[in-house]
Every structure is written in structure tokens, then in C-alpha cells.
Amino acid sequence: MQILRRKGIQVLISSCLFLMMSVGIKAQYTFKKLVWNDEFNAKKKSVDTTKWAFDKGNGCPELCGWGNNEAEYYTENRLENARVENGNLVIEARKEEYKDAKYTSARLVTKGKKDWKYGRFEMRAKVPAGRGMWPAIWMLPTKMAYGIWPHSGEIDIMENVGYWPDSLFGTVHTGAYNGMKGTQKSGSYFLKDLANEFHIYAVEWTEDEVRFYIDNKQYHQFKNDHTDTEAWPYDQSFYLILNVAVGGNWGGKFGIDESIFPQKMLVDYVRVYQ
């Protein structure tokens, strides 16, 4: 979901990925100690701001990281766009005039609250549906130790685009492998009920590899080739991001269906193990 990348222009899926999609590999569960979580069971509707902050706005200079020509305005702690309800975090994209945008949504981050180096990052969620939707659960480095995106890395735990409703993508972006070059390391998985059922999305990140899981089946991995930080910048702390984008270079590739709103991403829990 980074501003500089040009995702969705071309998605390359190899035959080996289709084999992995069909078979799946059971989770290795390298990390078992729960060190941070949000179960979204509070009685109050507001998001727990001791755990989450909000990115705000509708795009900004490239360091902000949510340009991508998206159409939404990300609001701050606004119940219409982000709330706790019936044991879930609700991130709601709405069609409404707000500031200078035609849509609103929310982007929650743990930046400034909590970050991690290595671990299992697991979320149970249900994605929105419809052309123009672009939900994501992902991670960025806290300090950008090796320079601005993509040099300090990005880990996309889950992305979906509404015009391809059965699609799930797990991706890493680095200086050597990224969307601007079309060399990003992406794995794919296809399910018919992503918007109708909850699924468990996870990555296990070690000093040697990043593994991607759907419902505890591994479908993608990215290995440390031990060359340089352009290939492997994943030796620094990262923070979590949950958001629903509207339109954008990838999500809006075929336009936005204005009849689908409001749309919601529901998150049952977020858990981090080390």
C-alpha cells in the first residue's frame, strides 16, 4: 500500500504458486508466546487509542505512504469509519463528501504505540466486497533505517482488490524487489468466500524468512539471501497497519462501483506472538 509503488499493473503468478495454493503447507508456529493483542471485546465503541493511532488525510508527499491515487479521506477516531462493535473492529468505507474527498475510511496503525522485530502476526478478519475496494493488513518499518520506501521494506500480510473478489495477496517490497520495478515478491491464494466469511491471515517473520499463511496454510515465503539490505531489510522493527482504501492505482484499476457503499472490513482479533 505504499505511495511509490505501482501495484496491480501486472501480477505474475507462477505455476509453483498455484501448486502451493492447491496443497498448502501447515503453519510451523515458530513463535508461541502471545506478547500483544487486541480482541476488540470492549463495551465502548471507540478504538483503544493506547494500542492504535490513526493516519489522517487523503494523500500527501511520498513519505506519508498512502497516496496511490486513492479516493478516500482517512479520518481520525471517527465512529462512522472506525469503531468496536459486536466483538469486532469495524473499518467502514463510506460514500460521502468530506473535506475535499468523496469517500471516507480509516487507517489504524500501531506506530508510536508498539512495534516488533520478528514474530507471528495473526489476524482473523472478513474483507469488504465490490469494485473499488482495496483492504489491507500490512507492516512498515518504524525508523526507515535504510531509506525511504522501498529500501527499508514492507510486508503485506493481506491485500485484496474488489474487482478480483476471490484474490488474496501476500507480498514483500524491498529496494531490490518492489512494485516500481515489477519485481515484488508476491504469493497468491484464491478463495470464494473472502467477503462472506472470516479467515485467519498471518505471517511468521524470522531472521531467515517471511512466511505467509491463510487459515494456517502456508502459501508463500520470502527467504533471506544474506546479500545486503536492498534484498533483506528485515532486521529492524516494524509496526502494523489496518486500512480499507477506496480506488487507487490497484484497487481502482477498473473504477469504483458507487452503489456498494458502505463497505466494512471486520477484524475479530489481532495477535502478535514471539
C-alpha atoms as a PDB file:
ATOM      1  CA  MET A   1       0.000   0.000   0.000  1.00  0.00           C
ATOM      2  CA  GLN A   2       2.949   2.368  -0.277  1.00  0.00           C
ATOM      3  CA  ILE A   3       2.666   5.557  -2.307  1.00  0.00           C
ATOM      4  CA  LEU A   4       5.653   4.954  -4.571  1.00  0.00           C
ATOM      5  CA  ARG A   5       4.758   1.556  -5.797  1.00  0.00           C
ATOM      6  CA  ARG A   6       2.683   0.793  -8.846  1.00  0.00           C
ATOM      7  CA  LYS A   7       0.939  -2.389  -7.828  1.00  0.00           C
ATOM      8  CA  GLY A   8      -1.726  -4.071  -9.870  1.00  0.00           C
ATOM      9  CA  ILE A   9      -0.333  -3.025 -13.257  1.00  0.00           C
ATOM     10  CA  GLN A  10       0.896  -6.529 -13.682  1.00  0.00           C
ATOM     11  CA  VAL A  11       0.543  -9.542 -11.403  1.00  0.00           C
ATOM     12  CA  LEU A  12       2.723 -12.511 -12.207  1.00  0.00           C
ATOM     13  CA  ILE A  13       1.648 -15.845 -10.786  1.00  0.00           C
ATOM     14  CA  SER A  14       3.841 -18.843 -11.416  1.00  0.00           C
ATOM     15  CA  SER A  15       2.744 -22.433 -11.697  1.00  0.00           C
ATOM     16  CA  CYS A  16       4.513 -23.252  -8.463  1.00  0.00           C
ATOM     17  CA  LEU A  17       2.317 -20.742  -6.634  1.00  0.00           C
ATOM     18  CA  PHE A  18      -0.796 -22.450  -7.986  1.00  0.00           C
ATOM     19  CA  LEU A  19       0.561 -25.739  -6.675  1.00  0.00           C
ATOM     20  CA  MET A  20       1.075 -24.157  -3.260  1.00  0.00           C
ATOM     21  CA  MET A  21      -2.447 -22.745  -3.401  1.00  0.00           C
ATOM     22  CA  SER A  22      -3.872 -26.163  -4.017  1.00  0.00           C
ATOM     23  CA  VAL A  23      -1.858 -28.063  -1.445  1.00  0.00           C
ATOM     24  CA  GLY A  24      -0.901 -25.622   1.297  1.00  0.00           C
ATOM     25  CA  ILE A  25       1.759 -26.110   3.946  1.00  0.00           C
ATOM     26  CA  LYS A  26       0.838 -26.309   7.613  1.00  0.00           C
ATOM     27  CA  ALA A  27       1.978 -23.469   9.852  1.00  0.00           C
ATOM     28  CA  GLN A  28       5.283 -24.078  11.592  1.00  0.00           C
ATOM     29  CA  TYR A  29       4.388 -21.897  14.608  1.00  0.00           C
ATOM     30  CA  THR A  30       7.921 -20.771  15.338  1.00  0.00           C
ATOM     31  CA  PHE A  31       6.512 -18.181  17.750  1.00  0.00           C
ATOM     32  CA  LYS A  32       4.113 -19.286  20.503  1.00  0.00           C
ATOM     33  CA  LYS A  33       4.217 -16.655  23.268  1.00  0.00           C
ATOM     34  CA  LEU A  34       1.454 -14.071  22.973  1.00  0.00           C
ATOM     35  CA  VAL A  35       3.106 -10.672  23.521  1.00  0.00           C
ATOM     36  CA  TRP A  36       0.471  -8.223  22.234  1.00  0.00           C
ATOM     37  CA  ASN A  37      -3.161  -8.423  21.177  1.00  0.00           C
ATOM     38  CA  ASP A  38      -6.438  -6.645  20.716  1.00  0.00           C
ATOM     39  CA  GLU A  39      -9.556  -8.808  20.899  1.00  0.00           C
ATOM     40  CA  PHE A  40     -11.959  -5.882  20.314  1.00  0.00           C
ATOM     41  CA  ASN A  41     -14.252  -7.018  23.115  1.00  0.00           C
ATOM     42  CA  ALA A  42     -14.543  -3.674  24.897  1.00  0.00           C
ATOM     43  CA  LYS A  43     -18.046  -2.377  25.610  1.00  0.00           C
ATOM     44  CA  LYS A  44     -17.208   1.123  24.384  1.00  0.00           C
ATOM     45  CA  LYS A  45     -17.351   1.727  20.648  1.00  0.00           C
ATOM     46  CA  SER A  46     -14.234   3.838  20.313  1.00  0.00           C
ATOM     47  CA  VAL A  47     -10.944   2.275  19.230  1.00  0.00           C
ATOM     48  CA  ASP A  48      -8.404   1.680  22.020  1.00  0.00           C
ATOM     49  CA  THR A  49      -6.008   4.568  21.472  1.00  0.00           C
ATOM     50  CA  THR A  50      -3.488   3.072  23.888  1.00  0.00           C
ATOM     51  CA  LYS A  51      -2.905   0.464  21.158  1.00  0.00           C
ATOM     52  CA  TRP A  52      -3.824   2.232  17.922  1.00  0.00           C
ATOM     53  CA  ALA A  53      -3.209   5.596  16.309  1.00  0.00           C
ATOM     54  CA  PHE A  54      -4.756   6.959  13.102  1.00  0.00           C
ATOM     55  CA  ASP A  55      -3.149   8.068   9.875  1.00  0.00           C
ATOM     56  CA  LYS A  56      -5.214  11.003   8.666  1.00  0.00           C
ATOM     57  CA  GLY A  57      -5.805  12.639   5.299  1.00  0.00           C
ATOM     58  CA  ASN A  58      -6.302  11.899   1.613  1.00  0.00           C
ATOM     59  CA  GLY A  59      -2.765  11.617   0.374  1.00  0.00           C
ATOM     60  CA  CYS A  60       0.345  13.649   0.969  1.00  0.00           C
ATOM     61  CA  PRO A  61       4.005  13.758  -0.068  1.00  0.00           C
ATOM     62  CA  GLU A  62       5.567  10.383  -0.675  1.00  0.00           C
ATOM     63  CA  LEU A  63       6.846   9.854   2.869  1.00  0.00           C
ATOM     64  CA  CYS A  64       3.280   9.576   4.169  1.00  0.00           C
ATOM     65  CA  GLY A  65       2.709   6.333   2.336  1.00  0.00           C
ATOM     66  CA  TRP A  66      -0.918   6.367   1.288  1.00  0.00           C
ATOM     67  CA  GLY A  67      -1.011   8.257  -1.967  1.00  0.00           C
ATOM     68  CA  ASN A  68      -1.545   5.616  -4.649  1.00  0.00           C
ATOM     69  CA  ASN A  69      -4.175   7.993  -6.135  1.00  0.00           C
ATOM     70  CA  GLU A  70      -6.729   6.661  -3.656  1.00  0.00           C
ATOM     71  CA  ALA A  71     -10.118   8.373  -3.398  1.00  0.00           C
ATOM     72  CA  GLU A  72     -10.815   8.226   0.357  1.00  0.00           C
ATOM     73  CA  TYR A  73     -10.110  10.618   3.213  1.00  0.00           C
ATOM     74  CA  TYR A  74      -8.793   8.740   6.247  1.00  0.00           C
ATOM     75  CA  THR A  75     -10.488  10.170   9.327  1.00  0.00           C
ATOM     76  CA  GLU A  76      -9.198  10.233  12.883  1.00  0.00           C
ATOM     77  CA  ASN A  77     -11.098   8.419  15.629  1.00  0.00           C
ATOM     78  CA  ARG A  78     -14.446   8.914  13.887  1.00  0.00           C
ATOM     79  CA  LEU A  79     -17.006   6.260  14.800  1.00  0.00           C
ATOM     80  CA  GLU A  80     -18.551   6.283  11.339  1.00  0.00           C
ATOM     81  CA  ASN A  81     -15.265   4.944   9.961  1.00  0.00           C
ATOM     82  CA  ALA A  82     -13.639   3.025  12.833  1.00  0.00           C
ATOM     83  CA  ARG A  83     -15.353   1.508  15.861  1.00  0.00           C
ATOM     84  CA  VAL A  84     -15.659  -1.574  18.040  1.00  0.00           C
ATOM     85  CA  GLU A  85     -18.959  -3.382  17.551  1.00  0.00           C
ATOM     86  CA  ASN A  86     -20.168  -6.892  18.442  1.00  0.00           C
ATOM     87  CA  GLY A  87     -16.665  -8.076  19.304  1.00  0.00           C
ATOM     88  CA  ASN A  88     -15.093  -6.807  16.076  1.00  0.00           C
ATOM     89  CA  LEU A  89     -13.140  -3.832  14.898  1.00  0.00           C
ATOM     90  CA  VAL A  90     -15.154  -2.248  12.087  1.00  0.00           C
ATOM     91  CA  ILE A  91     -13.327  -0.209   9.456  1.00  0.00           C
ATOM     92  CA  GLU A  92     -16.039   1.279   7.279  1.00  0.00           C
ATOM     93  CA  ALA A  93     -15.605   2.944   3.893  1.00  0.00           C
ATOM     94  CA  ARG A  94     -18.421   5.405   3.167  1.00  0.00           C
ATOM     95  CA  LYS A  95     -19.511   7.420   0.141  1.00  0.00           C
ATOM     96  CA  GLU A  96     -19.825  10.942   1.500  1.00  0.00           C
ATOM     97  CA  GLU A  97     -18.415  14.397   0.912  1.00  0.00           C
ATOM     98  CA  TYR A  98     -15.706  15.001   3.498  1.00  0.00           C
ATOM     99  CA  LYS A  99     -13.054  17.708   3.325  1.00  0.00           C
ATOM    100  CA  ASP A 100     -12.094  17.566  -0.353  1.00  0.00           C
ATOM    101  CA  ALA A 101     -12.821  13.850  -0.863  1.00  0.00           C
ATOM    102  CA  LYS A 102     -15.893  11.892  -1.971  1.00  0.00           C
ATOM    103  CA  TYR A 103     -15.266   8.909   0.306  1.00  0.00           C
ATOM    104  CA  THR A 104     -14.171   8.324   3.894  1.00  0.00           C
ATOM    105  CA  SER A 105     -12.440   5.397   5.563  1.00  0.00           C
ATOM    106  CA  ALA A 106      -9.891   4.704   8.317  1.00  0.00           C
ATOM    107  CA  ARG A 107      -6.283   3.611   8.598  1.00  0.00           C
ATOM    108  CA  LEU A 108      -5.201   2.321  12.018  1.00  0.00           C
ATOM    109  CA  VAL A 109      -1.531   1.962  12.928  1.00  0.00           C
ATOM    110  CA  THR A 110       0.460   0.817  15.940  1.00  0.00           C
ATOM    111  CA  LYS A 111       3.218   3.302  15.092  1.00  0.00           C
ATOM    112  CA  GLY A 112       4.244   5.200  18.203  1.00  0.00           C
ATOM    113  CA  LYS A 113       2.410   2.619  20.333  1.00  0.00           C
ATOM    114  CA  LYS A 114       4.107  -0.700  19.614  1.00  0.00           C
ATOM    115  CA  ASP A 115       6.437  -2.312  17.088  1.00  0.00           C
ATOM    116  CA  TRP A 116       8.239  -5.625  16.760  1.00  0.00           C
ATOM    117  CA  LYS A 117      11.272  -7.299  15.274  1.00  0.00           C
ATOM    118  CA  TYR A 118      10.347 -10.856  14.258  1.00  0.00           C
ATOM    119  CA  GLY A 119       7.252 -12.744  15.330  1.00  0.00           C
ATOM    120  CA  ARG A 120       3.977 -14.266  14.220  1.00  0.00           C
ATOM    121  CA  PHE A 121       1.399 -11.636  13.275  1.00  0.00           C
ATOM    122  CA  GLU A 122      -2.085 -13.097  13.101  1.00  0.00           C
ATOM    123  CA  MET A 123      -5.482 -11.535  12.365  1.00  0.00           C
ATOM    124  CA  ARG A 124      -8.936 -13.001  11.916  1.00  0.00           C
ATOM    125  CA  ALA A 125     -10.853 -10.805   9.512  1.00  0.00           C
ATOM    126  CA  LYS A 126     -13.547 -10.507   6.863  1.00  0.00           C
ATOM    127  CA  VAL A 127     -12.916  -8.205   3.911  1.00  0.00           C
ATOM    128  CA  PRO A 128     -15.335  -5.802   2.181  1.00  0.00           C
ATOM    129  CA  ALA A 129     -16.708  -6.511  -1.286  1.00  0.00           C
ATOM    130  CA  GLY A 130     -17.153  -4.634  -4.517  1.00  0.00           C
ATOM    131  CA  ARG A 131     -15.286  -2.954  -7.330  1.00  0.00           C
ATOM    132  CA  GLY A 132     -13.066  -0.209  -5.958  1.00  0.00           C
ATOM    133  CA  MET A 133     -12.395  -1.777  -2.554  1.00  0.00           C
ATOM    134  CA  TRP A 134      -8.767  -2.316  -1.510  1.00  0.00           C
ATOM    135  CA  PRO A 135      -8.458  -3.637   2.071  1.00  0.00           C
ATOM    136  CA  ALA A 136      -5.061  -4.394   3.542  1.00  0.00           C
ATOM    137  CA  ILE A 137      -3.306  -5.652   6.658  1.00  0.00           C
ATOM    138  CA  TRP A 138       0.377  -4.840   6.434  1.00  0.00           C
ATOM    139  CA  MET A 139       3.580  -3.588   8.071  1.00  0.00           C
ATOM    140  CA  LEU A 140       6.097  -0.794   7.623  1.00  0.00           C
ATOM    141  CA  PRO A 141       9.422  -0.108   9.380  1.00  0.00           C
ATOM    142  CA  THR A 142       9.315   2.300  12.295  1.00  0.00           C
ATOM    143  CA  LYS A 143      12.546   4.172  11.570  1.00  0.00           C
ATOM    144  CA  MET A 144      13.174   3.607   7.839  1.00  0.00           C
ATOM    145  CA  ALA A 145      16.725   2.545   8.715  1.00  0.00           C
ATOM    146  CA  TYR A 146      17.781   2.027   5.090  1.00  0.00           C
ATOM    147  CA  GLY A 147      15.992   4.957   3.454  1.00  0.00           C
ATOM    148  CA  ILE A 148      12.500   5.766   2.217  1.00  0.00           C
ATOM    149  CA  TRP A 149      10.257   3.204   0.570  1.00  0.00           C
ATOM    150  CA  PRO A 150      11.034   0.690  -0.736  1.00  0.00           C
ATOM    151  CA  HIS A 151      14.571   0.480   0.632  1.00  0.00           C
ATOM    152  CA  SER A 152      13.559  -0.150   4.250  1.00  0.00           C
ATOM    153  CA  GLY A 153      10.982  -2.769   3.286  1.00  0.00           C
ATOM    154  CA  GLU A 154       7.283  -3.518   3.548  1.00  0.00           C
ATOM    155  CA  ILE A 155       5.371  -6.675   4.467  1.00  0.00           C
ATOM    156  CA  ASP A 156       1.825  -7.045   3.122  1.00  0.00           C
ATOM    157  CA  ILE A 157       0.130  -9.696   5.233  1.00  0.00           C
ATOM    158  CA  MET A 158      -3.143  -9.481   3.316  1.00  0.00           C
ATOM    159  CA  GLU A 159      -4.362  -7.474   0.333  1.00  0.00           C
ATOM    160  CA  ASN A 160      -7.495  -7.918  -1.725  1.00  0.00           C
ATOM    161  CA  VAL A 161      -8.894  -5.958  -4.656  1.00  0.00           C
ATOM    162  CA  GLY A 162     -12.657  -5.839  -5.062  1.00  0.00           C
ATOM    163  CA  TYR A 163     -12.725  -6.321  -8.834  1.00  0.00           C
ATOM    164  CA  TRP A 164     -10.994  -9.670  -8.201  1.00  0.00           C
ATOM    165  CA  PRO A 165     -13.057 -10.784  -5.190  1.00  0.00           C
ATOM    166  CA  ASP A 166     -11.532 -14.229  -4.771  1.00  0.00           C
ATOM    167  CA  SER A 167      -7.988 -12.894  -4.570  1.00  0.00           C
ATOM    168  CA  LEU A 168      -5.613 -12.814  -1.620  1.00  0.00           C
ATOM    169  CA  PHE A 169      -2.079 -11.490  -1.968  1.00  0.00           C
ATOM    170  CA  GLY A 170       0.881 -11.646   0.429  1.00  0.00           C
ATOM    171  CA  THR A 171       3.853  -9.571  -0.654  1.00  0.00           C
ATOM    172  CA  VAL A 172       7.207  -8.139   0.344  1.00  0.00           C
ATOM    173  CA  HIS A 173       8.722  -4.969  -1.129  1.00  0.00           C
ATOM    174  CA  THR A 174      12.422  -4.128  -0.787  1.00  0.00           C
ATOM    175  CA  GLY A 175      14.942  -1.997  -2.624  1.00  0.00           C
ATOM    176  CA  ALA A 176      15.754  -4.927  -4.900  1.00  0.00           C
ATOM    177  CA  TYR A 177      12.233  -6.322  -5.179  1.00  0.00           C
ATOM    178  CA  ASN A 178       9.357  -3.841  -5.403  1.00  0.00           C
ATOM    179  CA  GLY A 179       6.282  -2.713  -7.273  1.00  0.00           C
ATOM    180  CA  MET A 180       8.004   0.147  -9.062  1.00  0.00           C
ATOM    181  CA  LYS A 181      10.238  -2.353 -10.816  1.00  0.00           C
ATOM    182  CA  GLY A 182       7.563  -5.042 -11.091  1.00  0.00           C
ATOM    183  CA  THR A 183       9.857  -7.350  -9.123  1.00  0.00           C
ATOM    184  CA  GLN A 184       7.921  -7.509  -5.852  1.00  0.00           C
ATOM    185  CA  LYS A 185       7.854 -10.954  -4.270  1.00  0.00           C
ATOM    186  CA  SER A 186       4.175 -11.831  -4.107  1.00  0.00           C
ATOM    187  CA  GLY A 187       2.243 -15.001  -3.413  1.00  0.00           C
ATOM    188  CA  SER A 188      -1.433 -15.569  -4.203  1.00  0.00           C
ATOM    189  CA  TYR A 189      -4.281 -17.633  -2.840  1.00  0.00           C
ATOM    190  CA  PHE A 190      -7.849 -17.857  -4.086  1.00  0.00           C
ATOM    191  CA  LEU A 191     -10.988 -18.400  -2.015  1.00  0.00           C
ATOM    192  CA  LYS A 192     -14.643 -17.924  -2.967  1.00  0.00           C
ATOM    193  CA  ASP A 193     -15.841 -16.515   0.356  1.00  0.00           C
ATOM    194  CA  LEU A 194     -13.321 -13.842   1.390  1.00  0.00           C
ATOM    195  CA  ALA A 195     -16.056 -11.231   1.840  1.00  0.00           C
ATOM    196  CA  ASN A 196     -18.598 -13.603   3.375  1.00  0.00           C
ATOM    197  CA  GLU A 197     -16.560 -15.482   5.961  1.00  0.00           C
ATOM    198  CA  PHE A 198     -13.829 -14.734   8.478  1.00  0.00           C
ATOM    199  CA  HIS A 199     -10.378 -16.072   7.681  1.00  0.00           C
ATOM    200  CA  ILE A 200      -7.087 -16.092   9.578  1.00  0.00           C
ATOM    201  CA  TYR A 201      -4.326 -14.110   7.882  1.00  0.00           C
ATOM    202  CA  ALA A 202      -0.801 -14.408   9.243  1.00  0.00           C
ATOM    203  CA  VAL A 203       2.903 -14.071   8.635  1.00  0.00           C
ATOM    204  CA  GLU A 204       5.790 -15.621  10.507  1.00  0.00           C
ATOM    205  CA  TRP A 205       8.868 -13.442  10.246  1.00  0.00           C
ATOM    206  CA  THR A 206      12.267 -14.751  11.328  1.00  0.00           C
ATOM    207  CA  GLU A 207      15.829 -13.628  10.647  1.00  0.00           C
ATOM    208  CA  ASP A 208      15.886 -16.056   7.708  1.00  0.00           C
ATOM    209  CA  GLU A 209      12.479 -15.753   6.013  1.00  0.00           C
ATOM    210  CA  VAL A 210       8.969 -14.349   5.945  1.00  0.00           C
ATOM    211  CA  ARG A 211       6.215 -16.968   5.587  1.00  0.00           C
ATOM    212  CA  PHE A 212       2.623 -16.162   4.621  1.00  0.00           C
ATOM    213  CA  TYR A 213      -0.452 -18.101   5.806  1.00  0.00           C
ATOM    214  CA  ILE A 214      -4.171 -18.282   5.173  1.00  0.00           C
ATOM    215  CA  ASP A 215      -6.169 -20.313   7.701  1.00  0.00           C
ATOM    216  CA  ASN A 216      -2.873 -21.773   8.931  1.00  0.00           C
ATOM    217  CA  LYS A 217      -1.815 -22.975   5.476  1.00  0.00           C
ATOM    218  CA  GLN A 218       1.419 -21.538   4.114  1.00  0.00           C
ATOM    219  CA  TYR A 219       1.088 -20.254   0.547  1.00  0.00           C
ATOM    220  CA  HIS A 220       4.155 -18.051   0.112  1.00  0.00           C
ATOM    221  CA  GLN A 221       7.621 -17.441   1.557  1.00  0.00           C
ATOM    222  CA  PHE A 222      10.433 -14.968   1.042  1.00  0.00           C
ATOM    223  CA  LYS A 223      13.916 -16.059   2.080  1.00  0.00           C
ATOM    224  CA  ASN A 224      16.863 -14.000   3.266  1.00  0.00           C
ATOM    225  CA  ASP A 225      19.624 -14.477   0.686  1.00  0.00           C
ATOM    226  CA  HIS A 226      22.161 -12.893   3.062  1.00  0.00           C
ATOM    227  CA  THR A 227      23.441 -10.413   0.466  1.00  0.00           C
ATOM    228  CA  ASP A 228      22.554  -6.857   1.528  1.00  0.00           C
ATOM    229  CA  THR A 229      19.766  -4.667   2.896  1.00  0.00           C
ATOM    230  CA  GLU A 230      18.432  -3.962  -0.595  1.00  0.00           C
ATOM    231  CA  ALA A 231      17.328  -7.589  -0.713  1.00  0.00           C
ATOM    232  CA  TRP A 232      16.663  -8.109   3.009  1.00  0.00           C
ATOM    233  CA  PRO A 233      15.911  -5.002   5.129  1.00  0.00           C
ATOM    234  CA  TYR A 234      14.013  -7.103   7.672  1.00  0.00           C
ATOM    235  CA  ASP A 235      16.375  -6.768  10.625  1.00  0.00           C
ATOM    236  CA  GLN A 236      14.583  -3.784  12.168  1.00  0.00           C
ATOM    237  CA  SER A 237      11.302  -3.128  13.986  1.00  0.00           C
ATOM    238  CA  PHE A 238       8.040  -2.856  12.044  1.00  0.00           C
ATOM    239  CA  TYR A 239       4.558  -1.658  13.041  1.00  0.00           C
ATOM    240  CA  LEU A 240       1.103  -2.863  11.984  1.00  0.00           C
ATOM    241  CA  ILE A 241      -1.393  -1.130   9.687  1.00  0.00           C
ATOM    242  CA  LEU A 242      -5.076  -1.946   9.090  1.00  0.00           C
ATOM    243  CA  ASN A 243      -6.930   0.000   6.423  1.00  0.00           C
ATOM    244  CA  VAL A 244      -9.589  -0.006   3.723  1.00  0.00           C
ATOM    245  CA  ALA A 245      -8.666   2.063   0.683  1.00  0.00           C
ATOM    246  CA  VAL A 246     -11.143   3.185  -1.965  1.00  0.00           C
ATOM    247  CA  GLY A 247      -9.918   3.199  -5.552  1.00  0.00           C
ATOM    248  CA  GLY A 248      -6.249   3.865  -6.139  1.00  0.00           C
ATOM    249  CA  ASN A 249      -3.750   2.603  -8.670  1.00  0.00           C
ATOM    250  CA  TRP A 250      -4.594  -1.017  -7.928  1.00  0.00           C
ATOM    251  CA  GLY A 251      -7.971  -1.044  -6.190  1.00  0.00           C
ATOM    252  CA  GLY A 252      -9.456   1.423  -8.647  1.00  0.00           C
ATOM    253  CA  LYS A 253      -7.949  -0.036 -11.785  1.00  0.00           C
ATOM    254  CA  PHE A 254     -11.440  -0.694 -13.146  1.00  0.00           C
ATOM    255  CA  GLY A 255     -13.190   2.179 -11.401  1.00  0.00           C
ATOM    256  CA  ILE A 256     -15.360   2.391  -8.279  1.00  0.00           C
ATOM    257  CA  ASP A 257     -18.880   0.988  -8.058  1.00  0.00           C
ATOM    258  CA  GLU A 258     -20.701   3.771  -6.199  1.00  0.00           C
ATOM    259  CA  SER A 259     -23.702   1.531  -5.460  1.00  0.00           C
ATOM    260  CA  ILE A 260     -21.857  -0.739  -3.000  1.00  0.00           C
ATOM    261  CA  PHE A 261     -21.348   1.662  -0.090  1.00  0.00           C
ATOM    262  CA  PRO A 262     -20.963   1.496   2.824  1.00  0.00           C
ATOM    263  CA  GLN A 263     -18.469  -1.366   2.922  1.00  0.00           C
ATOM    264  CA  LYS A 264     -16.783  -2.806   6.018  1.00  0.00           C
ATOM    265  CA  MET A 265     -13.719  -4.788   6.964  1.00  0.00           C
ATOM    266  CA  LEU A 266     -14.369  -6.677  10.204  1.00  0.00           C
ATOM    267  CA  VAL A 267     -11.426  -7.722  12.368  1.00  0.00           C
ATOM    268  CA  ASP A 268     -12.151 -10.234  15.126  1.00  0.00           C
ATOM    269  CA  TYR A 269      -8.677 -10.024  16.675  1.00  0.00           C
ATOM    270  CA  VAL A 270      -5.072  -9.033  16.141  1.00  0.00           C
ATOM    271  CA  ARG A 271      -2.424 -11.158  17.915  1.00  0.00           C
ATOM    272  CA  VAL A 272       1.342 -10.983  17.956  1.00  0.00           C
ATOM    273  CA  TYR A 273       3.458 -13.924  19.127  1.00  0.00           C
ATOM    274  CA  GLN A 274       7.190 -14.059  19.775  1.00  0.00           C
END
